[in-house]
Amino acid sequence: MLTLKTIDHINIVVHDMDAMIAFYCDVLGFQKTKDVIIQGNWIQQVVSLPDVKAHVVYLQLPAGPRLELIDYHNPVSPTLPAGSPHHPGLRHMAFEVDDLDLMVAQLKKAGVRLVGQPMTVPDAQVTYDGGIQKRLVYFTDPQGNLLELCSYTSSV
């Protein structure tokens, strides 16, 4: 049986590439590693769309999968409303941080909208090995995609 090796990348189709790059790089600390236009038969066959032309930007953190932003110039992608946390399908990306409160303060300073308040996951509902506790908060990027910051600390 074949097994998965790792998560290679997470893809977000965007409508305002500049705003998304600024948010992920300036606010969250990603680094832009590639900026290309893709087109031709190969991508048309992959996505099963005619006459594809798209702007693709790769963003990286020091560890973990890269973020791949795609703005379809042709065919033009429809504008779809952002989902809610309980809507079926891929709902959010989570980023682990060392200091959740510091990151929340930085997000607020940058004008980022928090969906709720930072909370600790109750031990009565979810336990982690070694007395670890998880804190998390949801927020959105400029396109309304749901994101999570989380931190893990020892309660012992």
Protein backbone atom coordinates (compact mmCIF):
# COMPACT_ATOMS: atom_id res chain seq x y z
CA MET A 1 0.00 0.00 0.00
CA LEU A 2 1.26 3.48 -0.85
CA THR A 3 1.37 5.98 1.99
CA LEU A 4 1.34 9.75 1.95
CA LYS A 5 4.67 11.39 2.61
CA THR A 6 3.74 14.96 3.63
CA ILE A 7 1.50 17.91 2.74
CA ASP A 8 3.22 19.60 -0.19
CA HIS A 9 1.13 22.77 -0.48
CA ILE A 10 -2.20 24.43 0.22
CA ASN A 11 -3.86 26.21 -2.69
CA ILE A 12 -6.12 29.27 -2.49
CA VAL A 13 -7.76 30.75 -5.58
CA VAL A 14 -7.69 34.53 -5.10
CA HIS A 15 -9.33 37.58 -6.62
CA ASP A 16 -6.87 40.23 -5.33
CA MET A 17 -3.33 38.84 -5.49
CA ASP A 18 -1.66 42.00 -4.15
CA ALA A 19 -3.87 42.10 -1.03
CA MET A 20 -3.34 38.40 -0.37
CA ILE A 21 0.46 38.61 -0.79
CA ALA A 22 0.60 41.65 1.51
CA PHE A 23 -1.49 39.88 4.16
CA TYR A 24 0.36 36.57 4.16
CA CYS A 25 3.84 38.16 3.88
CA ASP A 26 3.53 41.41 5.86
CA VAL A 27 1.11 40.24 8.56
CA LEU A 28 1.85 36.52 8.91
CA GLY A 29 5.53 36.41 7.88
CA PHE A 30 5.49 34.22 4.77
CA GLN A 31 8.24 34.70 2.16
CA LYS A 32 7.44 34.83 -1.55
CA THR A 33 9.50 32.15 -3.32
CA LYS A 34 7.96 31.99 -6.80
CA ASP A 35 5.86 34.30 -8.98
CA VAL A 36 4.87 32.87 -12.38
CA ILE A 37 2.22 32.86 -15.09
CA ILE A 38 1.00 29.39 -16.04
CA GLN A 39 -0.79 28.57 -19.28
CA GLY A 40 -0.94 26.04 -22.08
CA ASN A 41 -2.18 22.56 -22.72
CA TRP A 42 -0.59 20.99 -19.64
CA ILE A 43 -2.54 23.14 -17.13
CA GLN A 44 -5.72 22.96 -19.23
CA GLN A 45 -5.49 19.16 -18.94
CA VAL A 46 -4.80 19.30 -15.18
CA VAL A 47 -7.73 21.59 -14.28
CA SER A 48 -10.01 20.59 -17.18
CA LEU A 49 -10.71 24.21 -18.15
CA PRO A 50 -10.25 25.83 -21.58
CA ASP A 51 -7.62 28.49 -22.41
CA VAL A 52 -6.19 28.65 -18.88
CA LYS A 53 -3.95 31.55 -17.94
CA ALA A 54 -3.24 32.12 -14.25
CA HIS A 55 -0.90 34.09 -12.00
CA VAL A 56 0.63 31.77 -9.37
CA VAL A 57 2.59 32.86 -6.30
CA TYR A 58 4.26 30.47 -3.84
CA LEU A 59 4.66 31.58 -0.22
CA GLN A 60 6.76 29.73 2.39
CA LEU A 61 7.31 29.63 6.12
CA PRO A 62 10.53 28.16 7.58
CA ALA A 63 8.76 24.80 8.00
CA GLY A 64 5.65 23.12 6.70
CA PRO A 65 3.87 23.14 3.36
CA ARG A 66 3.98 26.11 1.01
CA LEU A 67 0.96 28.26 0.30
CA GLU A 68 0.05 28.51 -3.39
CA LEU A 69 -2.06 31.52 -4.41
CA ILE A 70 -3.67 31.39 -7.88
CA ASP A 71 -5.46 34.22 -9.68
CA TYR A 72 -7.19 32.89 -12.82
CA HIS A 73 -7.03 35.51 -15.56
CA ASN A 74 -8.78 33.09 -17.94
CA PRO A 75 -11.29 31.63 -17.56
CA VAL A 76 -12.39 34.19 -14.99
CA SER A 77 -13.31 32.46 -11.75
CA PRO A 78 -16.66 33.22 -10.15
CA THR A 79 -16.83 35.16 -6.91
CA LEU A 80 -18.11 32.84 -4.23
CA PRO A 81 -19.07 33.84 -0.69
CA ALA A 82 -16.71 32.67 2.05
CA GLY A 83 -17.94 29.74 4.13
CA SER A 84 -18.58 29.57 7.83
CA PRO A 85 -16.69 27.39 10.32
CA HIS A 86 -19.36 24.65 10.20
CA HIS A 87 -19.91 24.53 6.41
CA PRO A 88 -18.89 21.18 4.84
CA GLY A 89 -15.57 21.12 2.97
CA LEU A 90 -12.12 22.57 3.58
CA ARG A 91 -12.79 25.22 6.20
CA HIS A 92 -9.52 26.61 7.51
CA MET A 93 -5.74 26.47 7.70
CA ALA A 94 -4.13 26.46 11.12
CA PHE A 95 -0.76 28.00 11.97
CA GLU A 96 1.08 27.01 15.14
CA VAL A 97 2.74 29.90 16.99
CA ASP A 98 4.82 30.17 20.17
CA ASP A 99 3.01 33.20 21.65
CA LEU A 100 -0.68 33.32 20.75
CA ASP A 101 -1.37 36.56 22.62
CA LEU A 102 1.49 38.38 20.88
CA MET A 103 0.30 37.19 17.46
CA VAL A 104 -3.29 38.22 18.24
CA ALA A 105 -2.04 41.68 19.21
CA GLN A 106 -0.09 41.89 15.93
CA LEU A 107 -3.16 40.82 13.95
CA LYS A 108 -5.33 43.44 15.66
CA LYS A 109 -2.70 46.12 15.05
CA ALA A 110 -2.75 45.17 11.35
CA GLY A 111 -6.55 45.55 11.28
CA VAL A 112 -7.27 41.84 10.93
CA ARG A 113 -10.77 40.74 11.96
CA LEU A 114 -10.88 38.02 14.60
CA VAL A 115 -13.83 35.64 14.30
CA GLY A 116 -13.95 34.99 18.05
CA GLN A 117 -11.74 35.29 21.10
CA PRO A 118 -8.64 33.23 21.97
CA MET A 119 -9.74 30.22 23.98
CA THR A 120 -8.17 27.21 25.68
CA VAL A 121 -9.57 23.84 24.61
CA PRO A 122 -11.16 22.33 27.75
CA ASP A 123 -9.45 19.17 29.04
CA ALA A 124 -12.92 17.74 29.70
CA GLN A 125 -13.52 17.69 25.93
CA VAL A 126 -10.12 17.19 24.26
CA THR A 127 -6.95 15.92 25.92
CA TYR A 128 -3.39 16.00 24.61
CA ASP A 129 -0.57 13.71 25.74
CA GLY A 130 1.79 14.97 28.44
CA GLY A 131 -0.56 17.53 29.99
CA ILE A 132 -0.43 19.75 26.91
CA GLN A 133 -3.13 22.38 26.47
CA LYS A 134 -4.13 24.00 23.19
CA ARG A 135 -5.18 27.64 22.78
CA LEU A 136 -6.61 28.90 19.52
CA VAL A 137 -8.36 31.74 17.75
CA TYR A 138 -9.96 32.08 14.31
CA PHE A 139 -9.46 35.04 11.96
CA THR A 140 -9.87 35.75 8.25
CA ASP A 141 -7.60 36.83 5.42
CA PRO A 142 -8.58 39.68 3.05
CA GLN A 143 -10.64 37.30 0.92
CA GLY A 144 -12.60 35.93 3.89
CA ASN A 145 -10.78 32.57 4.11
CA LEU A 146 -10.93 31.20 7.62
CA LEU A 147 -7.56 30.81 9.38
CA GLU A 148 -6.55 29.62 12.85
CA LEU A 149 -3.67 30.47 15.15
CA CYS A 150 -2.91 27.83 17.78
CA SER A 151 -0.34 27.27 20.49
CA TYR A 152 0.43 24.28 22.68
CA THR A 153 1.75 24.64 26.22
CA SER A 154 2.28 22.33 29.15
CA SER A 155 -0.29 22.66 31.93
CA VAL A 156 2.01 20.75 34.32
